[in-house]
Amino acid sequence: MGKDYKFIKNQIKVAQIRAIGSVIIGLMVLFGGIYFVELFETEKERIIGITVTIALLFLFIIAFYSNIRAIKKYKSFLE
């Protein structure tokens, strides 16, 4: 029981760190994308840059959500 408890507590910590990391990287993608879009000259290039930035941002939102679900799952094992 002791090893299982330690393993679950460690998995909760890992999932929390991954969730924080996905938020930080998501913000970096957002602000980097805004800067990146400003470098384009034509409207078509800007639309492509905005689309790519939004797609990457959604990927990090999904990663954050999956880490939150993992935290809830591991916490339910402790109850």
Protein backbone atom coordinates (compact mmCIF):
# COMPACT_ATOMS: atom_id res chain seq x y z
CA MET A 1 0.00 0.00 0.00
CA GLY A 2 2.84 2.39 0.82
CA LYS A 3 4.47 2.04 -2.60
CA ASP A 4 1.16 2.54 -4.39
CA TYR A 5 0.43 5.65 -2.35
CA LYS A 6 3.87 7.11 -3.15
CA PHE A 7 3.47 6.26 -6.84
CA ILE A 8 0.06 7.97 -7.04
CA LYS A 9 1.33 11.05 -5.18
CA ASN A 10 4.28 11.26 -7.60
CA GLN A 11 1.95 10.92 -10.60
CA ILE A 12 -0.17 13.80 -9.26
CA LYS A 13 2.95 15.98 -9.00
CA VAL A 14 4.04 15.03 -12.53
CA ALA A 15 0.59 15.84 -13.96
CA GLN A 16 0.55 19.19 -12.14
CA ILE A 17 3.97 20.10 -13.55
CA ARG A 18 2.85 19.08 -17.05
CA ALA A 19 -0.31 21.20 -16.71
CA ILE A 20 1.70 24.25 -15.63
CA GLY A 21 4.18 23.63 -18.46
CA SER A 22 1.42 23.40 -21.06
CA VAL A 23 -0.01 26.73 -19.85
CA ILE A 24 3.40 28.41 -20.08
CA ILE A 25 4.12 26.99 -23.54
CA GLY A 26 0.60 27.92 -24.68
CA LEU A 27 1.18 31.53 -23.64
CA MET A 28 4.55 31.52 -25.39
CA VAL A 29 2.89 30.24 -28.57
CA LEU A 30 0.18 32.88 -28.33
CA PHE A 31 2.51 35.84 -27.87
CA GLY A 32 5.11 34.43 -30.26
CA GLY A 33 2.39 33.93 -32.85
CA ILE A 34 1.23 37.51 -32.47
CA TYR A 35 4.79 38.72 -33.04
CA PHE A 36 5.29 36.25 -35.90
CA VAL A 37 2.11 37.40 -37.69
CA GLU A 38 3.30 41.01 -37.58
CA LEU A 39 6.35 40.04 -39.66
CA PHE A 40 4.24 38.97 -42.64
CA GLU A 41 3.56 41.49 -45.38
CA THR A 42 0.59 40.12 -47.33
CA GLU A 43 -2.87 39.44 -45.97
CA LYS A 44 -2.79 35.79 -47.09
CA GLU A 45 0.42 35.12 -45.13
CA ARG A 46 -1.08 36.77 -42.04
CA ILE A 47 -4.20 34.60 -42.22
CA ILE A 48 -2.04 31.47 -42.45
CA GLY A 49 0.05 32.64 -39.48
CA ILE A 50 -3.06 33.34 -37.38
CA THR A 51 -4.53 29.93 -38.29
CA VAL A 52 -1.34 28.11 -37.29
CA THR A 53 -1.13 30.05 -34.02
CA ILE A 54 -4.74 29.21 -33.12
CA ALA A 55 -4.23 25.54 -34.01
CA LEU A 56 -1.14 25.30 -31.79
CA LEU A 57 -2.94 27.09 -28.99
CA PHE A 58 -5.79 24.57 -29.14
CA LEU A 59 -3.28 21.72 -28.93
CA PHE A 60 -1.89 23.14 -25.69
CA ILE A 61 -5.40 23.70 -24.31
CA ILE A 62 -6.16 20.02 -24.99
CA ALA A 63 -2.89 19.01 -23.30
CA PHE A 64 -3.80 21.12 -20.26
CA TYR A 65 -7.26 19.59 -20.08
CA SER A 66 -5.90 16.04 -20.29
CA ASN A 67 -3.47 16.76 -17.45
CA ILE A 68 -6.29 18.12 -15.29
CA ARG A 69 -8.26 14.93 -15.97
CA ALA A 70 -5.22 12.85 -14.99
CA ILE A 71 -4.91 14.75 -11.71
CA LYS A 72 -8.59 14.09 -10.94
CA LYS A 73 -8.19 10.41 -11.78
CA TYR A 74 -5.15 9.96 -9.55
CA LYS A 75 -6.83 11.86 -6.68
CA SER A 76 -9.86 9.57 -6.95
CA PHE A 77 -7.52 6.59 -6.35
CA LEU A 78 -6.45 8.12 -3.03
CA GLU A 79 -10.01 8.32 -1.70
